[in-house]
C-alpha atoms as a PDB file:
ATOM      1  CA  UNK A   1      -0.091  -0.177  -0.403  1.00  0.00           C
ATOM      2  CA  UNK A   2       2.899   2.267   0.667  1.00  0.00           C
ATOM      3  CA  UNK A   3       3.706   3.060  -3.137  1.00  0.00           C
ATOM      4  CA  UNK A   4      -0.152   3.646  -4.227  1.00  0.00           C
ATOM      5  CA  UNK A   5      -0.151   6.255  -0.698  1.00  0.00           C
ATOM      6  CA  UNK A   6       3.141   7.796  -2.273  1.00  0.00           C
ATOM      7  CA  UNK A   7       1.616   8.331  -5.604  1.00  0.00           C
ATOM      8  CA  UNK A   8      -1.683   9.662  -4.211  1.00  0.00           C
ATOM      9  CA  UNK A   9       0.213  12.273  -2.240  1.00  0.00           C
ATOM     10  CA  UNK A  10       2.820  12.956  -5.022  1.00  0.00           C
ATOM     11  CA  UNK A  11      -0.505  13.534  -7.409  1.00  0.00           C
ATOM     12  CA  UNK A  12      -2.223  16.010  -4.535  1.00  0.00           C
ATOM     13  CA  UNK A  13       0.922  17.894  -4.624  1.00  0.00           C
ATOM     14  CA  UNK A  14       1.055  18.280  -8.181  1.00  0.00           C
ATOM     15  CA  UNK A  15      -2.634  19.413  -8.329  1.00  0.00           C
ATOM     16  CA  UNK A  16      -2.272  22.157  -5.807  1.00  0.00           C
ATOM     17  CA  UNK A  17       0.581  23.699  -7.239  1.00  0.00           C
ATOM     18  CA  UNK A  18      -0.999  23.729 -10.524  1.00  0.00           C
ATOM     19  CA  UNK A  19      -3.845  25.304  -8.910  1.00  0.00           C
ATOM     20  CA  UNK A  20      -2.144  27.220  -7.157  1.00  0.00           C
ATOM     21  CA  UNK A  21      -0.068  28.701 -10.643  1.00  0.00           C
ATOM     22  CA  UNK A  22      -3.359  28.942 -12.076  1.00  0.00           C
ATOM     23  CA  UNK A  23      -4.446  31.964  -9.795  1.00  0.00           C
ATOM     24  CA  UNK A  24      -4.595  35.039 -11.406  1.00  0.00           C
ATOM     25  CA  UNK A  25      -2.251  37.172 -10.000  1.00  0.00           C
ATOM     26  CA  UNK A  26      -2.209  39.975 -12.461  1.00  0.00           C
ATOM     27  CA  UNK A  27      -2.223  43.333 -10.857  1.00  0.00           C
ATOM     28  CA  UNK A  28      -4.722  44.746 -13.560  1.00  0.00           C
ATOM     29  CA  UNK A  29      -7.262  42.506 -12.409  1.00  0.00           C
ATOM     30  CA  UNK A  30      -9.784  41.808  -9.293  1.00  0.00           C
ATOM     31  CA  UNK A  31      -9.394  38.336  -7.732  1.00  0.00           C
ATOM     32  CA  UNK A  32     -12.512  36.688  -6.167  1.00  0.00           C
ATOM     33  CA  UNK A  33     -14.229  38.991  -4.301  1.00  0.00           C
ATOM     34  CA  UNK A  34     -18.188  39.525  -2.527  1.00  0.00           C
ATOM     35  CA  UNK A  35     -18.384  42.999  -1.689  1.00  0.00           C
ATOM     36  CA  UNK A  36     -21.060  42.858   1.032  1.00  0.00           C
ATOM     37  CA  UNK A  37     -21.867  46.418   1.446  1.00  0.00           C
ATOM     38  CA  UNK A  38     -21.552  46.889   5.294  1.00  0.00           C
ATOM     39  CA  UNK A  39     -18.679  49.446   5.906  1.00  0.00           C
ATOM     40  CA  UNK A  40     -19.136  53.299   5.151  1.00  0.00           C
ATOM     41  CA  UNK A  41     -16.562  52.784   1.950  1.00  0.00           C
ATOM     42  CA  UNK A  42     -16.758  49.918  -0.623  1.00  0.00           C
ATOM     43  CA  UNK A  43     -13.928  47.606  -0.501  1.00  0.00           C
ATOM     44  CA  UNK A  44     -13.704  46.257  -4.664  1.00  0.00           C
ATOM     45  CA  UNK A  45     -15.482  49.531  -6.345  1.00  0.00           C
ATOM     46  CA  UNK A  46     -15.109  52.771  -6.948  1.00  0.00           C
ATOM     47  CA  UNK A  47     -18.016  55.152  -6.430  1.00  0.00           C
ATOM     48  CA  UNK A  48     -19.084  59.162  -6.353  1.00  0.00           C
ATOM     49  CA  UNK A  49     -20.718  60.340  -2.809  1.00  0.00           C
ATOM     50  CA  UNK A  50     -24.008  61.252  -1.418  1.00  0.00           C
ATOM     51  CA  UNK A  51     -26.658  62.303  -1.855  1.00  0.00           C
ATOM     52  CA  UNK A  52     -26.576  59.514  -4.768  1.00  0.00           C
ATOM     53  CA  UNK A  53     -24.971  56.936  -2.923  1.00  0.00           C
ATOM     54  CA  UNK A  54     -24.866  55.296   0.931  1.00  0.00           C
ATOM     55  CA  UNK A  55     -22.766  52.313   1.964  1.00  0.00           C
ATOM     56  CA  UNK A  56     -23.248  50.250   4.918  1.00  0.00           C
ATOM     57  CA  UNK A  57     -26.528  51.267   5.777  1.00  0.00           C
ATOM     58  CA  UNK A  58     -29.729  49.768   6.607  1.00  0.00           C
ATOM     59  CA  UNK A  59     -31.824  48.440   4.114  1.00  0.00           C
ATOM     60  CA  UNK A  60     -35.141  50.264   3.696  1.00  0.00           C
ATOM     61  CA  UNK A  61     -37.401  47.724   2.691  1.00  0.00           C
ATOM     62  CA  UNK A  62     -35.592  44.405   4.914  1.00  0.00           C
ATOM     63  CA  UNK A  63     -34.911  44.675   8.346  1.00  0.00           C
ATOM     64  CA  UNK A  64     -31.576  43.311   9.508  1.00  0.00           C
ATOM     65  CA  UNK A  65     -29.800  44.215   6.255  1.00  0.00           C
ATOM     66  CA  UNK A  66     -27.161  45.863   5.380  1.00  0.00           C
ATOM     67  CA  UNK A  67     -26.979  47.811   1.832  1.00  0.00           C
ATOM     68  CA  UNK A  68     -25.704  50.194  -0.490  1.00  0.00           C
ATOM     69  CA  UNK A  69     -28.596  52.677  -1.705  1.00  0.00           C
ATOM     70  CA  UNK A  70     -28.094  53.956  -5.079  1.00  0.00           C
ATOM     71  CA  UNK A  71     -30.206  56.909  -4.828  1.00  0.00           C
ATOM     72  CA  UNK A  72     -31.379  59.048  -8.378  1.00  0.00           C
ATOM     73  CA  UNK A  73     -31.789  62.575  -8.118  1.00  0.00           C
ATOM     74  CA  UNK A  74     -35.287  64.204 -10.120  1.00  0.00           C
ATOM     75  CA  UNK A  75     -32.272  66.739 -11.282  1.00  0.00           C
ATOM     76  CA  UNK A  76     -30.036  63.802 -13.117  1.00  0.00           C
ATOM     77  CA  UNK A  77     -30.024  64.379 -16.881  1.00  0.00           C
ATOM     78  CA  UNK A  78     -31.173  61.693 -18.836  1.00  0.00           C
ATOM     79  CA  UNK A  79     -28.805  58.988 -19.851  1.00  0.00           C
ATOM     80  CA  UNK A  80     -26.658  56.316 -19.018  1.00  0.00           C
ATOM     81  CA  UNK A  81     -24.452  56.614 -16.178  1.00  0.00           C
ATOM     82  CA  UNK A  82     -25.543  60.338 -15.585  1.00  0.00           C
ATOM     83  CA  UNK A  83     -27.495  58.545 -12.352  1.00  0.00           C
ATOM     84  CA  UNK A  84     -25.726  56.831  -9.182  1.00  0.00           C
ATOM     85  CA  UNK A  85     -22.625  53.936 -10.201  1.00  0.00           C
ATOM     86  CA  UNK A  86     -20.345  52.469  -8.775  1.00  0.00           C
ATOM     87  CA  UNK A  87     -17.520  50.358 -10.893  1.00  0.00           C
ATOM     88  CA  UNK A  88     -15.138  47.934  -9.915  1.00  0.00           C
ATOM     89  CA  UNK A  89     -11.837  49.229  -8.649  1.00  0.00           C
ATOM     90  CA  UNK A  90      -9.900  46.811 -11.530  1.00  0.00           C
ATOM     91  CA  UNK A  91     -10.638  44.951 -14.386  1.00  0.00           C
ATOM     92  CA  UNK A  92     -12.838  41.485 -14.679  1.00  0.00           C
ATOM     93  CA  UNK A  93     -13.162  38.908 -17.445  1.00  0.00           C
ATOM     94  CA  UNK A  94     -14.725  35.546 -17.673  1.00  0.00           C
ATOM     95  CA  UNK A  95     -16.420  34.257 -14.570  1.00  0.00           C
ATOM     96  CA  UNK A  96     -19.350  33.759 -12.553  1.00  0.00           C
ATOM     97  CA  UNK A  97     -20.983  37.066 -11.393  1.00  0.00           C
ATOM     98  CA  UNK A  98     -23.786  37.403  -9.125  1.00  0.00           C
ATOM     99  CA  UNK A  99     -25.827  40.100  -7.156  1.00  0.00           C
ATOM    100  CA  UNK A 100     -28.697  40.652  -4.490  1.00  0.00           C
ATOM    101  CA  UNK A 101     -30.890  43.672  -5.221  1.00  0.00           C
ATOM    102  CA  UNK A 102     -34.020  45.255  -4.381  1.00  0.00           C
ATOM    103  CA  UNK A 103     -35.446  47.804  -7.258  1.00  0.00           C
ATOM    104  CA  UNK A 104     -37.582  50.411  -5.925  1.00  0.00           C
ATOM    105  CA  UNK A 105     -41.301  50.117  -6.132  1.00  0.00           C
ATOM    106  CA  UNK A 106     -42.833  53.495  -7.885  1.00  0.00           C
ATOM    107  CA  UNK A 107     -46.136  52.000  -9.249  1.00  0.00           C
ATOM    108  CA  UNK A 108     -48.188  54.296  -6.512  1.00  0.00           C
ATOM    109  CA  UNK A 109     -45.815  57.124  -6.748  1.00  0.00           C
ATOM    110  CA  UNK A 110     -45.088  57.479 -10.437  1.00  0.00           C
ATOM    111  CA  UNK A 111     -45.958  54.712 -12.651  1.00  0.00           C
ATOM    112  CA  UNK A 112     -44.874  56.304 -15.942  1.00  0.00           C
ATOM    113  CA  UNK A 113     -41.202  57.062 -14.650  1.00  0.00           C
ATOM    114  CA  UNK A 114     -38.311  56.507 -16.866  1.00  0.00           C
ATOM    115  CA  UNK A 115     -35.737  54.263 -14.757  1.00  0.00           C
ATOM    116  CA  UNK A 116     -33.294  51.845 -15.512  1.00  0.00           C
ATOM    117  CA  UNK A 117     -31.295  49.692 -12.821  1.00  0.00           C
ATOM    118  CA  UNK A 118     -28.278  48.120 -14.531  1.00  0.00           C
ATOM    119  CA  UNK A 119     -26.566  45.212 -13.397  1.00  0.00           C
ATOM    120  CA  UNK A 120     -23.810  44.994 -15.836  1.00  0.00           C
ATOM    121  CA  UNK A 121     -19.743  45.041 -17.046  1.00  0.00           C
ATOM    122  CA  UNK A 122     -18.677  47.511 -19.620  1.00  0.00           C
ATOM    123  CA  UNK A 123     -15.765  48.549 -21.041  1.00  0.00           C
ATOM    124  CA  UNK A 124     -13.960  49.283 -24.706  1.00  0.00           C
ATOM    125  CA  UNK A 125     -10.566  47.969 -25.764  1.00  0.00           C
ATOM    126  CA  UNK A 126      -8.686  49.663 -28.623  1.00  0.00           C
ATOM    127  CA  UNK A 127      -8.222  46.805 -30.620  1.00  0.00           C
ATOM    128  CA  UNK A 128     -10.707  44.118 -29.295  1.00  0.00           C
ATOM    129  CA  UNK A 129     -13.772  46.112 -29.114  1.00  0.00           C
ATOM    130  CA  UNK A 130     -16.417  46.726 -26.858  1.00  0.00           C
ATOM    131  CA  UNK A 131     -17.422  44.112 -23.899  1.00  0.00           C
ATOM    132  CA  UNK A 132     -20.647  44.392 -22.113  1.00  0.00           C
ATOM    133  CA  UNK A 133     -23.088  42.325 -20.587  1.00  0.00           C
ATOM    134  CA  UNK A 134     -26.063  43.097 -18.926  1.00  0.00           C
ATOM    135  CA  UNK A 135     -29.126  42.616 -16.487  1.00  0.00           C
ATOM    136  CA  UNK A 136     -31.646  45.600 -16.626  1.00  0.00           C
ATOM    137  CA  UNK A 137     -35.003  46.348 -15.607  1.00  0.00           C
ATOM    138  CA  UNK A 138     -37.307  49.304 -16.332  1.00  0.00           C
ATOM    139  CA  UNK A 139     -38.603  50.172 -12.727  1.00  0.00           C
ATOM    140  CA  UNK A 140     -42.065  50.855 -14.367  1.00  0.00           C
ATOM    141  CA  UNK A 141     -42.990  47.153 -14.783  1.00  0.00           C
ATOM    142  CA  UNK A 142     -40.534  45.251 -12.243  1.00  0.00           C
ATOM    143  CA  UNK A 143     -42.008  42.189 -13.810  1.00  0.00           C
ATOM    144  CA  UNK A 144     -40.068  42.468 -16.885  1.00  0.00           C
ATOM    145  CA  UNK A 145     -36.015  41.518 -17.133  1.00  0.00           C
ATOM    146  CA  UNK A 146     -33.740  42.636 -19.968  1.00  0.00           C
ATOM    147  CA  UNK A 147     -30.855  40.492 -20.901  1.00  0.00           C
ATOM    148  CA  UNK A 148     -28.418  40.764 -23.229  1.00  0.00           C
ATOM    149  CA  UNK A 149     -24.846  41.866 -24.561  1.00  0.00           C
ATOM    150  CA  UNK A 150     -22.951  44.339 -26.361  1.00  0.00           C
ATOM    151  CA  UNK A 151     -20.200  44.039 -28.871  1.00  0.00           C
ATOM    152  CA  UNK A 152     -18.649  46.248 -31.271  1.00  0.00           C
ATOM    153  CA  UNK A 153     -16.449  46.636 -34.070  1.00  0.00           C
ATOM    154  CA  UNK A 154     -12.580  46.191 -32.672  1.00  0.00           C
ATOM    155  CA  UNK A 155     -11.741  49.691 -33.287  1.00  0.00           C
ATOM    156  CA  UNK A 156     -15.163  51.844 -33.409  1.00  0.00           C
ATOM    157  CA  UNK A 157     -17.272  51.580 -30.161  1.00  0.00           C
ATOM    158  CA  UNK A 158     -19.794  53.391 -31.850  1.00  0.00           C
ATOM    159  CA  UNK A 159     -20.260  50.316 -34.343  1.00  0.00           C
ATOM    160  CA  UNK A 160     -22.588  48.310 -32.200  1.00  0.00           C
ATOM    161  CA  UNK A 161     -24.122  44.947 -32.551  1.00  0.00           C
ATOM    162  CA  UNK A 162     -26.371  43.163 -29.883  1.00  0.00           C
ATOM    163  CA  UNK A 163     -28.131  39.968 -28.904  1.00  0.00           C
ATOM    164  CA  UNK A 164     -30.646  40.287 -26.392  1.00  0.00           C
ATOM    165  CA  UNK A 165     -34.057  38.683 -24.516  1.00  0.00           C
ATOM    166  CA  UNK A 166     -36.900  40.226 -22.583  1.00  0.00           C
ATOM    167  CA  UNK A 167     -38.727  38.082 -20.276  1.00  0.00           C
ATOM    168  CA  UNK A 168     -41.704  38.382 -18.194  1.00  0.00           C
ATOM    169  CA  UNK A 169     -40.632  36.678 -15.013  1.00  0.00           C
ATOM    170  CA  UNK A 170     -43.819  36.521 -13.014  1.00  0.00           C
ATOM    171  CA  UNK A 171     -45.904  34.738 -16.171  1.00  0.00           C
ATOM    172  CA  UNK A 172     -42.732  32.858 -17.522  1.00  0.00           C
ATOM    173  CA  UNK A 173     -43.009  34.314 -20.430  1.00  0.00           C
ATOM    174  CA  UNK A 174     -40.204  35.222 -23.052  1.00  0.00           C
ATOM    175  CA  UNK A 175     -41.344  38.296 -25.102  1.00  0.00           C
ATOM    176  CA  UNK A 176     -38.685  37.984 -27.683  1.00  0.00           C
ATOM    177  CA  UNK A 177     -35.073  36.773 -28.174  1.00  0.00           C
ATOM    178  CA  UNK A 178     -33.680  38.964 -31.215  1.00  0.00           C
ATOM    179  CA  UNK A 179     -29.979  40.320 -32.621  1.00  0.00           C
ATOM    180  CA  UNK A 180     -29.107  43.538 -34.651  1.00  0.00           C
ATOM    181  CA  UNK A 181     -26.177  44.922 -35.725  1.00  0.00           C
ATOM    182  CA  UNK A 182     -24.712  47.971 -37.266  1.00  0.00           C
ATOM    183  CA  UNK A 183     -23.726  45.631 -40.442  1.00  0.00           C
ATOM    184  CA  UNK A 184     -27.537  46.195 -42.030  1.00  0.00           C
ATOM    185  CA  UNK A 185     -28.721  49.523 -40.051  1.00  0.00           C
ATOM    186  CA  UNK A 186     -29.500  48.071 -36.444  1.00  0.00           C
ATOM    187  CA  UNK A 187     -32.968  46.103 -37.352  1.00  0.00           C
ATOM    188  CA  UNK A 188     -34.033  43.893 -35.164  1.00  0.00           C
ATOM    189  CA  UNK A 189     -34.271  40.024 -35.868  1.00  0.00           C
ATOM    190  CA  UNK A 190     -35.468  37.109 -34.519  1.00  0.00           C
ATOM    191  CA  UNK A 191     -33.053  33.923 -34.323  1.00  0.00           C
ATOM    192  CA  UNK A 192     -33.915  31.280 -36.793  1.00  0.00           C
ATOM    193  CA  UNK A 193     -36.729  29.179 -34.907  1.00  0.00           C
ATOM    194  CA  UNK A 194     -34.215  26.013 -35.307  1.00  0.00           C
ATOM    195  CA  UNK A 195     -31.505  27.629 -33.681  1.00  0.00           C
ATOM    196  CA  UNK A 196     -31.237  25.671 -30.399  1.00  0.00           C
ATOM    197  CA  UNK A 197     -27.497  27.345 -29.791  1.00  0.00           C
ATOM    198  CA  UNK A 198     -29.124  30.990 -29.548  1.00  0.00           C
ATOM    199  CA  UNK A 199     -32.612  29.880 -27.864  1.00  0.00           C
ATOM    200  CA  UNK A 200     -32.019  27.945 -25.281  1.00  0.00           C
ATOM    201  CA  UNK A 201     -34.215  27.390 -23.223  1.00  0.00           C
ATOM    202  CA  UNK A 202     -37.330  27.782 -25.226  1.00  0.00           C
ATOM    203  CA  UNK A 203     -39.306  27.800 -22.055  1.00  0.00           C
ATOM    204  CA  UNK A 204     -39.126  29.156 -18.588  1.00  0.00           C
ATOM    205  CA  UNK A 205     -41.017  28.832 -15.331  1.00  0.00           C
ATOM    206  CA  UNK A 206     -42.620  31.538 -13.773  1.00  0.00           C
ATOM    207  CA  UNK A 207     -41.846  32.848 -10.701  1.00  0.00           C
ATOM    208  CA  UNK A 208     -45.029  33.119  -8.884  1.00  0.00           C
ATOM    209  CA  UNK A 209     -45.476  36.950  -8.023  1.00  0.00           C
ATOM    210  CA  UNK A 210     -42.072  38.092  -9.095  1.00  0.00           C
ATOM    211  CA  UNK A 211     -41.637  41.685  -9.270  1.00  0.00           C
ATOM    212  CA  UNK A 212     -38.307  43.144  -9.084  1.00  0.00           C
ATOM    213  CA  UNK A 213     -39.209  45.728  -6.398  1.00  0.00           C
ATOM    214  CA  UNK A 214     -41.383  43.617  -3.946  1.00  0.00           C
ATOM    215  CA  UNK A 215     -38.494  41.448  -2.187  1.00  0.00           C
ATOM    216  CA  UNK A 216     -34.630  40.989  -2.817  1.00  0.00           C
ATOM    217  CA  UNK A 217     -33.600  38.538  -5.484  1.00  0.00           C
ATOM    218  CA  UNK A 218     -30.373  37.330  -6.138  1.00  0.00           C
ATOM    219  CA  UNK A 219     -29.295  37.477 -10.284  1.00  0.00           C
ATOM    220  CA  UNK A 220     -26.523  36.376 -12.235  1.00  0.00           C
ATOM    221  CA  UNK A 221     -24.552  35.450 -15.387  1.00  0.00           C
ATOM    222  CA  UNK A 222     -21.809  32.699 -16.093  1.00  0.00           C
ATOM    223  CA  UNK A 223     -19.566  34.363 -18.934  1.00  0.00           C
ATOM    224  CA  UNK A 224     -17.424  31.964 -21.105  1.00  0.00           C
ATOM    225  CA  UNK A 225     -15.235  32.769 -24.117  1.00  0.00           C
ATOM    226  CA  UNK A 226     -18.246  30.583 -26.070  1.00  0.00           C
ATOM    227  CA  UNK A 227     -21.203  30.725 -23.836  1.00  0.00           C
ATOM    228  CA  UNK A 228     -23.223  33.279 -21.756  1.00  0.00           C
ATOM    229  CA  UNK A 229     -25.791  31.749 -19.193  1.00  0.00           C
ATOM    230  CA  UNK A 230     -28.190  34.171 -17.443  1.00  0.00           C
ATOM    231  CA  UNK A 231     -29.757  32.960 -14.316  1.00  0.00           C
ATOM    232  CA  UNK A 232     -31.884  34.035 -11.570  1.00  0.00           C
ATOM    233  CA  UNK A 233     -32.022  31.698  -8.078  1.00  0.00           C
ATOM    234  CA  UNK A 234     -35.608  30.980  -6.688  1.00  0.00           C
ATOM    235  CA  UNK A 235     -36.143  32.878  -3.560  1.00  0.00           C
ATOM    236  CA  UNK A 236     -38.092  30.097  -1.573  1.00  0.00           C
ATOM    237  CA  UNK A 237     -36.041  26.936  -3.085  1.00  0.00           C
ATOM    238  CA  UNK A 238     -32.524  28.749  -3.781  1.00  0.00           C
ATOM    239  CA  UNK A 239     -32.732  26.939  -7.087  1.00  0.00           C
ATOM    240  CA  UNK A 240     -31.092  28.393  -9.624  1.00  0.00           C
ATOM    241  CA  UNK A 241     -33.370  28.895 -13.143  1.00  0.00           C
ATOM    242  CA  UNK A 242     -31.858  29.581 -16.385  1.00  0.00           C
ATOM    243  CA  UNK A 243     -32.957  32.541 -18.072  1.00  0.00           C
ATOM    244  CA  UNK A 244     -30.365  32.373 -21.261  1.00  0.00           C
ATOM    245  CA  UNK A 245     -28.355  29.963 -22.185  1.00  0.00           C
ATOM    246  CA  UNK A 246     -26.792  31.761 -25.335  1.00  0.00           C
ATOM    247  CA  UNK A 247     -24.055  29.613 -27.439  1.00  0.00           C
ATOM    248  CA  UNK A 248     -25.347  31.096 -30.584  1.00  0.00           C
ATOM    249  CA  UNK A 249     -23.700  33.209 -33.421  1.00  0.00           C
ATOM    250  CA  UNK A 250     -25.403  35.926 -36.012  1.00  0.00           C
ATOM    251  CA  UNK A 251     -24.531  36.601 -39.594  1.00  0.00           C
ATOM    252  CA  UNK A 252     -21.993  39.313 -38.901  1.00  0.00           C
ATOM    253  CA  UNK A 253     -20.563  38.100 -34.873  1.00  0.00           C
ATOM    254  CA  UNK A 254     -20.395  35.583 -32.293  1.00  0.00           C
ATOM    255  CA  UNK A 255     -22.195  38.151 -30.082  1.00  0.00           C
ATOM    256  CA  UNK A 256     -20.048  37.020 -26.744  1.00  0.00           C
ATOM    257  CA  UNK A 257     -17.917  39.470 -25.658  1.00  0.00           C
ATOM    258  CA  UNK A 258     -13.777  38.245 -25.613  1.00  0.00           C
ATOM    259  CA  UNK A 259     -11.775  41.219 -23.755  1.00  0.00           C
ATOM    260  CA  UNK A 260     -11.651  42.171 -20.418  1.00  0.00           C
ATOM    261  CA  UNK A 261     -14.294  44.345 -18.844  1.00  0.00           C
ATOM    262  CA  UNK A 262     -15.454  46.480 -15.754  1.00  0.00           C
ATOM    263  CA  UNK A 263     -18.010  45.368 -13.358  1.00  0.00           C
ATOM    264  CA  UNK A 264     -20.747  48.034 -12.507  1.00  0.00           C
ATOM    265  CA  UNK A 265     -24.432  48.586 -10.923  1.00  0.00           C
ATOM    266  CA  UNK A 266     -25.907  51.686 -11.614  1.00  0.00           C
ATOM    267  CA  UNK A 267     -29.505  53.625 -11.429  1.00  0.00           C
ATOM    268  CA  UNK A 268     -30.495  56.169 -14.153  1.00  0.00           C
ATOM    269  CA  UNK A 269     -33.157  58.334 -16.156  1.00  0.00           C
ATOM    270  CA  UNK A 270     -34.183  57.450 -19.688  1.00  0.00           C
ATOM    271  CA  UNK A 271     -36.200  59.389 -21.742  1.00  0.00           C
ATOM    272  CA  UNK A 272     -36.296  57.612 -24.671  1.00  0.00           C
ATOM    273  CA  UNK A 273     -36.383  53.685 -23.773  1.00  0.00           C
ATOM    274  CA  UNK A 274     -40.395  52.760 -22.578  1.00  0.00           C
ATOM    275  CA  UNK A 275     -40.734  49.479 -20.687  1.00  0.00           C
ATOM    276  CA  UNK A 276     -42.572  47.400 -23.274  1.00  0.00           C
ATOM    277  CA  UNK A 277     -45.822  47.439 -21.271  1.00  0.00           C
ATOM    278  CA  UNK A 278     -45.887  50.702 -21.130  1.00  0.00           C
ATOM    279  CA  UNK A 279     -45.087  53.123 -24.130  1.00  0.00           C
ATOM    280  CA  UNK A 280     -45.747  56.084 -21.683  1.00  0.00           C
ATOM    281  CA  UNK A 281     -42.845  55.347 -18.863  1.00  0.00           C
ATOM    282  CA  UNK A 282     -40.396  57.855 -19.846  1.00  0.00           C
ATOM    283  CA  UNK A 283     -41.100  60.669 -17.299  1.00  0.00           C
ATOM    284  CA  UNK A 284     -38.187  62.204 -15.493  1.00  0.00           C
ATOM    285  CA  UNK A 285     -37.990  61.036 -11.989  1.00  0.00           C
ATOM    286  CA  UNK A 286     -40.261  63.087  -9.263  1.00  0.00           C
ATOM    287  CA  UNK A 287     -38.767  61.850  -6.547  1.00  0.00           C
ATOM    288  CA  UNK A 288     -35.511  60.124  -5.036  1.00  0.00           C
ATOM    289  CA  UNK A 289     -36.128  56.262  -5.380  1.00  0.00           C
ATOM    290  CA  UNK A 290     -33.683  54.268  -4.144  1.00  0.00           C
ATOM    291  CA  UNK A 291     -31.922  51.231  -5.656  1.00  0.00           C
ATOM    292  CA  UNK A 292     -31.121  48.367  -2.717  1.00  0.00           C
ATOM    293  CA  UNK A 293     -28.103  46.303  -2.797  1.00  0.00           C
ATOM    294  CA  UNK A 294     -27.184  43.936  -0.789  1.00  0.00           C
ATOM    295  CA  UNK A 295     -24.269  42.089  -1.894  1.00  0.00           C
ATOM    296  CA  UNK A 296     -21.804  41.712  -5.281  1.00  0.00           C
ATOM    297  CA  UNK A 297     -19.796  39.135  -6.088  1.00  0.00           C
ATOM    298  CA  UNK A 298     -17.177  37.855  -8.491  1.00  0.00           C
ATOM    299  CA  UNK A 299     -15.395  34.438  -8.748  1.00  0.00           C
ATOM    300  CA  UNK A 300     -12.976  34.693 -12.001  1.00  0.00           C
ATOM    301  CA  UNK A 301     -12.209  31.378 -14.353  1.00  0.00           C
ATOM    302  CA  UNK A 302      -8.205  31.775 -14.026  1.00  0.00           C
ATOM    303  CA  UNK A 303      -7.410  29.740 -16.577  1.00  0.00           C
ATOM    304  CA  UNK A 304      -9.582  30.936 -18.895  1.00  0.00           C
ATOM    305  CA  UNK A 305      -8.544  34.902 -18.577  1.00  0.00           C
ATOM    306  CA  UNK A 306      -4.638  33.421 -18.545  1.00  0.00           C
ATOM    307  CA  UNK A 307      -4.982  31.885 -21.442  1.00  0.00           C
ATOM    308  CA  UNK A 308      -7.004  34.400 -23.432  1.00  0.00           C
ATOM    309  CA  UNK A 309      -4.640  37.225 -22.550  1.00  0.00           C
ATOM    310  CA  UNK A 310      -1.765  34.817 -23.765  1.00  0.00           C
ATOM    311  CA  UNK A 311      -3.248  34.056 -26.545  1.00  0.00           C
ATOM    312  CA  UNK A 312      -3.755  37.753 -27.080  1.00  0.00           C
ATOM    313  CA  UNK A 313      -0.907  39.154 -26.153  1.00  0.00           C
ATOM    314  CA  UNK A 314      -3.007  41.634 -23.642  1.00  0.00           C
END
């Protein structure tokens, strides 16, 4: 038995050394972290200050929970990034991203508000193009979830291309799954009905009573070089419900970002993007509504990230 024990020990040592070697120590990049927002200043994110952002404060809606508040201001101009926003202090790349959050309930106060909560990644890198992956909620109807990804021409961030899906999770209804590109004038195209790689899953089980403003939910996505999977945890069972497992292609692009990115959360006024169920929902916010974020997490796929940087001399 002694030789077997020695071989097993040597193998375990080899594996542990290999794993340690694979850990990403590049100082430009975030290592695995969980930001709990339990201190007056975040550890892993850069941010603005009050009156738009508050850290380590009691939740407005859930006793015993400490959160980050992003508070939109009625005076904020329209446009992404014009309201409160946090961004990771270093870059992120392939990995699992997740967050627990609750969007504001505006149904009684202002049902036609034009406001977007964005949980996403974003970075444009010259020579590689745009790298953006999104969860978005138009808070005028918090039963809908918008998920998608943006890429661009390698040297022009304005030559955009997108794949996306919109879901009514309260009904378990996929409203549409489509793509568009600057190559053909940004026209929306539905994927071919036989394209399993782009349309999986074709059905989604409803979460009874789903409303992103009624309670905290855990949302996340897994980003691989050839695959993007968006998901939500069922609030009662903890089951991971797959919202979209995209492995498709389009006539002009893969639709899956490749270069490193930045990890963000923001809240902003839109005056030209109404929610699908309410064409009037573009009003400027009348009150300082608050987004609540319990935590944000990042788990990098170190081996994939190291390999990509080696292959692309990044």
